[in-house]
């Protein structure tokens, strides 16, 4: 079966798709910033010695980690207004649902980083008479974020791709715009391929940065030497990484 590609339809659709991409990037950036802030108290609560706080934080994390993101989007957009009596716009609903979801995953990543901070450094902070908040701010958080940076970036890349789901609640993001244009022009192949390439062009460079960070962290191991080939070296054909002496 022969298919006549019509890439002129892509040229005509590109301005609208770029606007949709702008909405996608806005949702992604807003969600990441808010989630990074909220994940810290959730992670701290998850490690709290007070059982009520610890179980509440764990319940929150497990609910959002163990239910589909699409269900969470629908619940915020359709069910939450029923409970509150307030109509929530699609854009705001998308940010709320995505933030709640990413915060749960981010909190677990930070918790793992917090627990990996050497106890001796925390004790040193106590000897310097730092308050609990100062120890968290100056000792624990910087090391935890650095150690978990690959995980955090990976979560952010996944979030960027998951924003395609917000098209189901009529948010005019890239996927919603692409679907609309494809249905009107009957050129799904060209339009959806272009949309996929637009997602790829943004996500792939970030994934390369993530691989570079992983390689640097592996090379800066406890002994200061290389611990093995980087993800980037395995990802790019023909690339070789010198082993340190």
C-alpha atoms as a PDB file:
ATOM      1  CA  UNK A   1       0.000   0.000   0.000  1.00  0.00           C
ATOM      2  CA  UNK A   2       1.456   3.349  -1.076  1.00  0.00           C
ATOM      3  CA  UNK A   3       1.074   6.356   1.204  1.00  0.00           C
ATOM      4  CA  UNK A   4       1.598   9.854  -0.124  1.00  0.00           C
ATOM      5  CA  UNK A   5       3.265  11.881   2.590  1.00  0.00           C
ATOM      6  CA  UNK A   6       2.098  15.480   2.830  1.00  0.00           C
ATOM      7  CA  UNK A   7       4.574  17.375   4.951  1.00  0.00           C
ATOM      8  CA  UNK A   8       3.010  20.710   3.969  1.00  0.00           C
ATOM      9  CA  UNK A   9       0.340  19.978   6.558  1.00  0.00           C
ATOM     10  CA  UNK A  10       3.102  19.873   9.184  1.00  0.00           C
ATOM     11  CA  UNK A  11       4.364  23.308   8.136  1.00  0.00           C
ATOM     12  CA  UNK A  12       0.850  24.706   8.492  1.00  0.00           C
ATOM     13  CA  UNK A  13       0.301  22.990  11.837  1.00  0.00           C
ATOM     14  CA  UNK A  14       3.693  23.825  13.357  1.00  0.00           C
ATOM     15  CA  UNK A  15       2.757  27.232  14.891  1.00  0.00           C
ATOM     16  CA  UNK A  16      -0.201  25.708  16.749  1.00  0.00           C
ATOM     17  CA  UNK A  17       1.893  22.722  17.832  1.00  0.00           C
ATOM     18  CA  UNK A  18       4.609  25.057  19.145  1.00  0.00           C
ATOM     19  CA  UNK A  19       1.971  26.800  21.248  1.00  0.00           C
ATOM     20  CA  UNK A  20       0.913  23.411  22.574  1.00  0.00           C
ATOM     21  CA  UNK A  21       4.544  22.587  23.351  1.00  0.00           C
ATOM     22  CA  UNK A  22       4.756  25.840  25.290  1.00  0.00           C
ATOM     23  CA  UNK A  23       1.841  24.715  27.482  1.00  0.00           C
ATOM     24  CA  UNK A  24       3.529  21.347  27.987  1.00  0.00           C
ATOM     25  CA  UNK A  25       6.788  22.995  29.085  1.00  0.00           C
ATOM     26  CA  UNK A  26       4.919  25.362  31.414  1.00  0.00           C
ATOM     27  CA  UNK A  27       3.130  22.496  33.134  1.00  0.00           C
ATOM     28  CA  UNK A  28       6.392  20.555  33.414  1.00  0.00           C
ATOM     29  CA  UNK A  29       8.414  23.417  34.931  1.00  0.00           C
ATOM     30  CA  UNK A  30       5.703  24.486  37.384  1.00  0.00           C
ATOM     31  CA  UNK A  31       5.220  20.895  38.530  1.00  0.00           C
ATOM     32  CA  UNK A  32       8.949  20.267  38.992  1.00  0.00           C
ATOM     33  CA  UNK A  33       9.513  23.439  41.035  1.00  0.00           C
ATOM     34  CA  UNK A  34       6.542  22.847  43.361  1.00  0.00           C
ATOM     35  CA  UNK A  35       7.338  19.134  43.745  1.00  0.00           C
ATOM     36  CA  UNK A  36      10.958  19.809  44.688  1.00  0.00           C
ATOM     37  CA  UNK A  37       9.762  22.076  47.500  1.00  0.00           C
ATOM     38  CA  UNK A  38       6.980  19.775  48.755  1.00  0.00           C
ATOM     39  CA  UNK A  39       9.074  16.592  48.548  1.00  0.00           C
ATOM     40  CA  UNK A  40      11.429  17.749  51.320  1.00  0.00           C
ATOM     41  CA  UNK A  41       8.841  17.902  54.152  1.00  0.00           C
ATOM     42  CA  UNK A  42       7.192  14.711  52.877  1.00  0.00           C
ATOM     43  CA  UNK A  43      10.553  12.896  52.924  1.00  0.00           C
ATOM     44  CA  UNK A  44      11.330  14.246  56.391  1.00  0.00           C
ATOM     45  CA  UNK A  45       7.863  13.201  57.563  1.00  0.00           C
ATOM     46  CA  UNK A  46       8.458   9.739  56.149  1.00  0.00           C
ATOM     47  CA  UNK A  47      11.449   9.393  58.501  1.00  0.00           C
ATOM     48  CA  UNK A  48       9.765  11.033  61.499  1.00  0.00           C
ATOM     49  CA  UNK A  49       9.838   9.283  64.862  1.00  0.00           C
ATOM     50  CA  UNK A  50       6.241  10.385  65.408  1.00  0.00           C
ATOM     51  CA  UNK A  51       4.149   7.508  64.109  1.00  0.00           C
ATOM     52  CA  UNK A  52       1.169   9.608  63.015  1.00  0.00           C
ATOM     53  CA  UNK A  53       3.348  11.811  60.824  1.00  0.00           C
ATOM     54  CA  UNK A  54       5.376   8.882  59.484  1.00  0.00           C
ATOM     55  CA  UNK A  55       2.320   6.801  58.574  1.00  0.00           C
ATOM     56  CA  UNK A  56       0.541   9.813  57.029  1.00  0.00           C
ATOM     57  CA  UNK A  57       3.560  10.545  54.816  1.00  0.00           C
ATOM     58  CA  UNK A  58       3.893   6.891  53.854  1.00  0.00           C
ATOM     59  CA  UNK A  59       0.177   6.623  53.070  1.00  0.00           C
ATOM     60  CA  UNK A  60       0.397   9.659  50.799  1.00  0.00           C
ATOM     61  CA  UNK A  61       3.434   8.276  48.986  1.00  0.00           C
ATOM     62  CA  UNK A  62       1.962   4.818  48.479  1.00  0.00           C
ATOM     63  CA  UNK A  63      -1.412   6.120  47.246  1.00  0.00           C
ATOM     64  CA  UNK A  64       0.166   8.195  44.489  1.00  0.00           C
ATOM     65  CA  UNK A  65       2.822   5.639  43.608  1.00  0.00           C
ATOM     66  CA  UNK A  66       0.390   2.730  43.398  1.00  0.00           C
ATOM     67  CA  UNK A  67      -2.445   4.289  41.404  1.00  0.00           C
ATOM     68  CA  UNK A  68      -2.351   5.243  37.702  1.00  0.00           C
ATOM     69  CA  UNK A  69      -1.559   8.860  36.906  1.00  0.00           C
ATOM     70  CA  UNK A  70      -4.506   8.982  34.495  1.00  0.00           C
ATOM     71  CA  UNK A  71      -6.886   8.057  37.328  1.00  0.00           C
ATOM     72  CA  UNK A  72      -5.352  10.788  39.486  1.00  0.00           C
ATOM     73  CA  UNK A  73      -5.867  13.343  36.713  1.00  0.00           C
ATOM     74  CA  UNK A  74      -9.497  12.347  36.266  1.00  0.00           C
ATOM     75  CA  UNK A  75     -10.090  12.384  40.029  1.00  0.00           C
ATOM     76  CA  UNK A  76      -8.735  15.914  40.433  1.00  0.00           C
ATOM     77  CA  UNK A  77     -10.575  17.209  37.355  1.00  0.00           C
ATOM     78  CA  UNK A  78     -13.946  15.482  37.840  1.00  0.00           C
ATOM     79  CA  UNK A  79     -14.223  14.285  41.455  1.00  0.00           C
ATOM     80  CA  UNK A  80     -12.472  17.043  43.426  1.00  0.00           C
ATOM     81  CA  UNK A  81     -14.923  19.750  42.248  1.00  0.00           C
ATOM     82  CA  UNK A  82     -17.746  17.525  43.483  1.00  0.00           C
ATOM     83  CA  UNK A  83     -16.197  17.481  46.965  1.00  0.00           C
ATOM     84  CA  UNK A  84     -15.238  21.160  47.095  1.00  0.00           C
ATOM     85  CA  UNK A  85     -17.978  22.706  44.988  1.00  0.00           C
ATOM     86  CA  UNK A  86     -15.296  24.641  43.116  1.00  0.00           C
ATOM     87  CA  UNK A  87     -14.754  24.235  39.379  1.00  0.00           C
ATOM     88  CA  UNK A  88     -11.058  23.647  38.731  1.00  0.00           C
ATOM     89  CA  UNK A  89      -9.720  24.598  35.263  1.00  0.00           C
ATOM     90  CA  UNK A  90      -7.979  21.885  33.283  1.00  0.00           C
ATOM     91  CA  UNK A  91      -4.551  23.546  33.502  1.00  0.00           C
ATOM     92  CA  UNK A  92      -4.770  23.861  37.289  1.00  0.00           C
ATOM     93  CA  UNK A  93      -6.091  20.302  37.619  1.00  0.00           C
ATOM     94  CA  UNK A  94      -3.166  19.033  35.568  1.00  0.00           C
ATOM     95  CA  UNK A  95      -0.650  20.854  37.754  1.00  0.00           C
ATOM     96  CA  UNK A  96      -2.290  19.607  40.963  1.00  0.00           C
ATOM     97  CA  UNK A  97      -2.404  15.971  39.862  1.00  0.00           C
ATOM     98  CA  UNK A  98       1.080  15.913  38.345  1.00  0.00           C
ATOM     99  CA  UNK A  99       2.551  17.701  41.362  1.00  0.00           C
ATOM    100  CA  UNK A 100       0.948  15.288  43.815  1.00  0.00           C
ATOM    101  CA  UNK A 101       2.250  12.353  41.778  1.00  0.00           C
ATOM    102  CA  UNK A 102       5.794  13.652  41.261  1.00  0.00           C
ATOM    103  CA  UNK A 103       6.093  14.748  44.896  1.00  0.00           C
ATOM    104  CA  UNK A 104       5.470  11.178  46.051  1.00  0.00           C
ATOM    105  CA  UNK A 105       8.237   9.770  43.837  1.00  0.00           C
ATOM    106  CA  UNK A 106      10.573  12.669  44.583  1.00  0.00           C
ATOM    107  CA  UNK A 107      10.065  12.270  48.334  1.00  0.00           C
ATOM    108  CA  UNK A 108      11.142   8.623  48.174  1.00  0.00           C
ATOM    109  CA  UNK A 109      14.245   9.589  46.200  1.00  0.00           C
ATOM    110  CA  UNK A 110      15.144  12.288  48.734  1.00  0.00           C
ATOM    111  CA  UNK A 111      14.467   9.968  51.660  1.00  0.00           C
ATOM    112  CA  UNK A 112      16.966   7.506  50.244  1.00  0.00           C
ATOM    113  CA  UNK A 113      19.474  10.338  49.892  1.00  0.00           C
ATOM    114  CA  UNK A 114      18.828  11.600  53.411  1.00  0.00           C
ATOM    115  CA  UNK A 115      19.447   8.181  54.889  1.00  0.00           C
ATOM    116  CA  UNK A 116      22.722   7.850  52.965  1.00  0.00           C
ATOM    117  CA  UNK A 117      24.253  10.954  54.592  1.00  0.00           C
ATOM    118  CA  UNK A 118      26.993   9.804  57.037  1.00  0.00           C
ATOM    119  CA  UNK A 119      25.888  10.020  60.653  1.00  0.00           C
ATOM    120  CA  UNK A 120      29.259  11.533  61.568  1.00  0.00           C
ATOM    121  CA  UNK A 121      28.485  14.655  59.540  1.00  0.00           C
ATOM    122  CA  UNK A 122      25.141  15.099  61.262  1.00  0.00           C
ATOM    123  CA  UNK A 123      26.829  14.671  64.645  1.00  0.00           C
ATOM    124  CA  UNK A 124      29.416  17.264  63.617  1.00  0.00           C
ATOM    125  CA  UNK A 125      26.573  19.651  62.873  1.00  0.00           C
ATOM    126  CA  UNK A 126      25.190  19.079  66.354  1.00  0.00           C
ATOM    127  CA  UNK A 127      28.618  19.794  67.857  1.00  0.00           C
ATOM    128  CA  UNK A 128      28.665  23.064  65.914  1.00  0.00           C
ATOM    129  CA  UNK A 129      25.320  23.845  67.574  1.00  0.00           C
ATOM    130  CA  UNK A 130      23.392  23.924  64.328  1.00  0.00           C
ATOM    131  CA  UNK A 131      19.630  23.706  64.710  1.00  0.00           C
ATOM    132  CA  UNK A 132      17.728  20.778  63.234  1.00  0.00           C
ATOM    133  CA  UNK A 133      16.618  22.930  60.289  1.00  0.00           C
ATOM    134  CA  UNK A 134      20.186  24.172  59.706  1.00  0.00           C
ATOM    135  CA  UNK A 135      21.476  20.603  59.672  1.00  0.00           C
ATOM    136  CA  UNK A 136      18.818  19.650  57.144  1.00  0.00           C
ATOM    137  CA  UNK A 137      19.449  22.739  55.019  1.00  0.00           C
ATOM    138  CA  UNK A 138      23.249  22.868  55.015  1.00  0.00           C
ATOM    139  CA  UNK A 139      24.301  19.244  55.508  1.00  0.00           C
ATOM    140  CA  UNK A 140      21.569  16.782  54.580  1.00  0.00           C
ATOM    141  CA  UNK A 141      19.700  18.332  51.627  1.00  0.00           C
ATOM    142  CA  UNK A 142      22.764  19.325  49.520  1.00  0.00           C
ATOM    143  CA  UNK A 143      24.292  15.844  49.805  1.00  0.00           C
ATOM    144  CA  UNK A 144      20.994  14.041  49.292  1.00  0.00           C
ATOM    145  CA  UNK A 145      20.149  16.059  46.170  1.00  0.00           C
ATOM    146  CA  UNK A 146      23.630  15.536  44.731  1.00  0.00           C
ATOM    147  CA  UNK A 147      23.522  11.794  45.359  1.00  0.00           C
ATOM    148  CA  UNK A 148      19.995  11.394  43.990  1.00  0.00           C
ATOM    149  CA  UNK A 149      20.386  13.859  41.108  1.00  0.00           C
ATOM    150  CA  UNK A 150      20.293  11.125  38.412  1.00  0.00           C
ATOM    151  CA  UNK A 151      17.066   9.754  39.899  1.00  0.00           C
ATOM    152  CA  UNK A 152      15.545  13.225  40.176  1.00  0.00           C
ATOM    153  CA  UNK A 153      16.396  14.081  36.565  1.00  0.00           C
ATOM    154  CA  UNK A 154      15.026  10.735  35.415  1.00  0.00           C
ATOM    155  CA  UNK A 155      11.751  11.463  37.225  1.00  0.00           C
ATOM    156  CA  UNK A 156      11.603  14.884  35.567  1.00  0.00           C
ATOM    157  CA  UNK A 157      12.080  13.373  32.110  1.00  0.00           C
ATOM    158  CA  UNK A 158       9.292  10.899  32.813  1.00  0.00           C
ATOM    159  CA  UNK A 159       7.073  13.752  33.983  1.00  0.00           C
ATOM    160  CA  UNK A 160       7.674  15.668  30.749  1.00  0.00           C
ATOM    161  CA  UNK A 161       6.508  12.649  28.747  1.00  0.00           C
ATOM    162  CA  UNK A 162       3.582  11.973  31.089  1.00  0.00           C
ATOM    163  CA  UNK A 163       2.214  15.470  30.473  1.00  0.00           C
ATOM    164  CA  UNK A 164       0.747  13.998  27.275  1.00  0.00           C
ATOM    165  CA  UNK A 165      -1.976  12.558  29.525  1.00  0.00           C
ATOM    166  CA  UNK A 166      -3.330  16.027  30.342  1.00  0.00           C
ATOM    167  CA  UNK A 167      -4.811  16.123  26.841  1.00  0.00           C
ATOM    168  CA  UNK A 168      -7.505  13.794  28.191  1.00  0.00           C
ATOM    169  CA  UNK A 169      -8.859  16.607  30.379  1.00  0.00           C
ATOM    170  CA  UNK A 170      -8.925  19.123  27.505  1.00  0.00           C
ATOM    171  CA  UNK A 171      -5.694  20.937  28.318  1.00  0.00           C
ATOM    172  CA  UNK A 172      -4.381  22.371  25.044  1.00  0.00           C
ATOM    173  CA  UNK A 173      -0.905  20.884  25.365  1.00  0.00           C
ATOM    174  CA  UNK A 174       1.181  19.457  22.527  1.00  0.00           C
ATOM    175  CA  UNK A 175      -0.646  16.109  22.458  1.00  0.00           C
ATOM    176  CA  UNK A 176      -4.113  17.687  22.558  1.00  0.00           C
ATOM    177  CA  UNK A 177      -3.180  20.062  19.737  1.00  0.00           C
ATOM    178  CA  UNK A 178      -1.637  17.263  17.653  1.00  0.00           C
ATOM    179  CA  UNK A 179      -4.711  15.049  18.075  1.00  0.00           C
ATOM    180  CA  UNK A 180      -7.016  17.911  17.123  1.00  0.00           C
ATOM    181  CA  UNK A 181      -5.044  18.783  13.995  1.00  0.00           C
ATOM    182  CA  UNK A 182      -4.677  15.113  13.012  1.00  0.00           C
ATOM    183  CA  UNK A 183      -8.430  14.535  13.250  1.00  0.00           C
ATOM    184  CA  UNK A 184      -9.211  17.679  11.236  1.00  0.00           C
ATOM    185  CA  UNK A 185      -6.610  17.118   8.510  1.00  0.00           C
ATOM    186  CA  UNK A 186      -6.828  13.310   8.340  1.00  0.00           C
ATOM    187  CA  UNK A 187      -3.021  13.283   8.421  1.00  0.00           C
ATOM    188  CA  UNK A 188      -2.367  11.438  11.646  1.00  0.00           C
ATOM    189  CA  UNK A 189       0.934   9.933  10.488  1.00  0.00           C
ATOM    190  CA  UNK A 190       2.627  13.242   9.707  1.00  0.00           C
ATOM    191  CA  UNK A 191       1.200  15.180  12.673  1.00  0.00           C
ATOM    192  CA  UNK A 192       1.723  12.538  15.356  1.00  0.00           C
ATOM    193  CA  UNK A 193       5.221  11.772  14.057  1.00  0.00           C
ATOM    194  CA  UNK A 194       6.059  15.458  14.344  1.00  0.00           C
ATOM    195  CA  UNK A 195       4.672  15.541  17.889  1.00  0.00           C
ATOM    196  CA  UNK A 196       6.797  12.531  18.832  1.00  0.00           C
ATOM    197  CA  UNK A 197       9.886  14.235  17.400  1.00  0.00           C
ATOM    198  CA  UNK A 198       9.157  17.397  19.393  1.00  0.00           C
ATOM    199  CA  UNK A 199       8.991  15.380  22.623  1.00  0.00           C
ATOM    200  CA  UNK A 200      12.202  13.590  21.633  1.00  0.00           C
ATOM    201  CA  UNK A 201      14.113  16.776  20.811  1.00  0.00           C
ATOM    202  CA  UNK A 202      13.548  18.043  24.351  1.00  0.00           C
ATOM    203  CA  UNK A 203      13.826  14.786  26.300  1.00  0.00           C
ATOM    204  CA  UNK A 204      16.878  13.307  24.559  1.00  0.00           C
ATOM    205  CA  UNK A 205      19.377  16.104  25.398  1.00  0.00           C
ATOM    206  CA  UNK A 206      18.267  15.953  29.030  1.00  0.00           C
ATOM    207  CA  UNK A 207      18.820  12.190  29.017  1.00  0.00           C
ATOM    208  CA  UNK A 208      22.353  12.784  27.692  1.00  0.00           C
ATOM    209  CA  UNK A 209      22.977  15.273  30.502  1.00  0.00           C
ATOM    210  CA  UNK A 210      21.691  12.675  32.949  1.00  0.00           C
ATOM    211  CA  UNK A 211      24.101  10.104  31.521  1.00  0.00           C
ATOM    212  CA  UNK A 212      26.987  12.562  31.792  1.00  0.00           C
ATOM    213  CA  UNK A 213      26.163  13.239  35.430  1.00  0.00           C
ATOM    214  CA  UNK A 214      26.048   9.511  36.131  1.00  0.00           C
ATOM    215  CA  UNK A 215      29.441   9.075  34.483  1.00  0.00           C
ATOM    216  CA  UNK A 216      30.966  11.911  36.523  1.00  0.00           C
ATOM    217  CA  UNK A 217      29.548  10.501  39.746  1.00  0.00           C
ATOM    218  CA  UNK A 218      30.938   7.061  38.916  1.00  0.00           C
ATOM    219  CA  UNK A 219      34.356   8.561  38.173  1.00  0.00           C
ATOM    220  CA  UNK A 220      34.255  10.500  41.431  1.00  0.00           C
ATOM    221  CA  UNK A 221      33.633   7.433  43.561  1.00  0.00           C
ATOM    222  CA  UNK A 222      34.948   6.953  47.069  1.00  0.00           C
ATOM    223  CA  UNK A 223      38.427   6.103  45.766  1.00  0.00           C
ATOM    224  CA  UNK A 224      38.344   8.835  43.124  1.00  0.00           C
ATOM    225  CA  UNK A 225      38.685   6.341  40.295  1.00  0.00           C
ATOM    226  CA  UNK A 226      36.391   5.048  37.612  1.00  0.00           C
ATOM    227  CA  UNK A 227      34.020   2.284  38.562  1.00  0.00           C
ATOM    228  CA  UNK A 228      32.936   1.261  35.078  1.00  0.00           C
ATOM    229  CA  UNK A 229      31.621   2.471  31.726  1.00  0.00           C
ATOM    230  CA  UNK A 230      29.044   5.248  31.764  1.00  0.00           C
ATOM    231  CA  UNK A 231      25.496   4.965  30.534  1.00  0.00           C
ATOM    232  CA  UNK A 232      26.393   7.508  27.838  1.00  0.00           C
ATOM    233  CA  UNK A 233      29.236   5.334  26.537  1.00  0.00           C
ATOM    234  CA  UNK A 234      26.823   2.404  26.209  1.00  0.00           C
ATOM    235  CA  UNK A 235      24.189   4.626  24.609  1.00  0.00           C
ATOM    236  CA  UNK A 236      26.226   6.252  21.840  1.00  0.00           C
ATOM    237  CA  UNK A 237      27.645   3.719  19.350  1.00  0.00           C
ATOM    238  CA  UNK A 238      31.415   3.755  18.945  1.00  0.00           C
ATOM    239  CA  UNK A 239      32.054   5.926  21.988  1.00  0.00           C
ATOM    240  CA  UNK A 240      34.855   4.825  24.279  1.00  0.00           C
ATOM    241  CA  UNK A 241      35.658   5.981  27.767  1.00  0.00           C
ATOM    242  CA  UNK A 242      39.221   5.921  29.030  1.00  0.00           C
ATOM    243  CA  UNK A 243      39.732   4.083  32.246  1.00  0.00           C
ATOM    244  CA  UNK A 244      41.561   6.106  34.852  1.00  0.00           C
ATOM    245  CA  UNK A 245      44.888   4.839  36.032  1.00  0.00           C
END
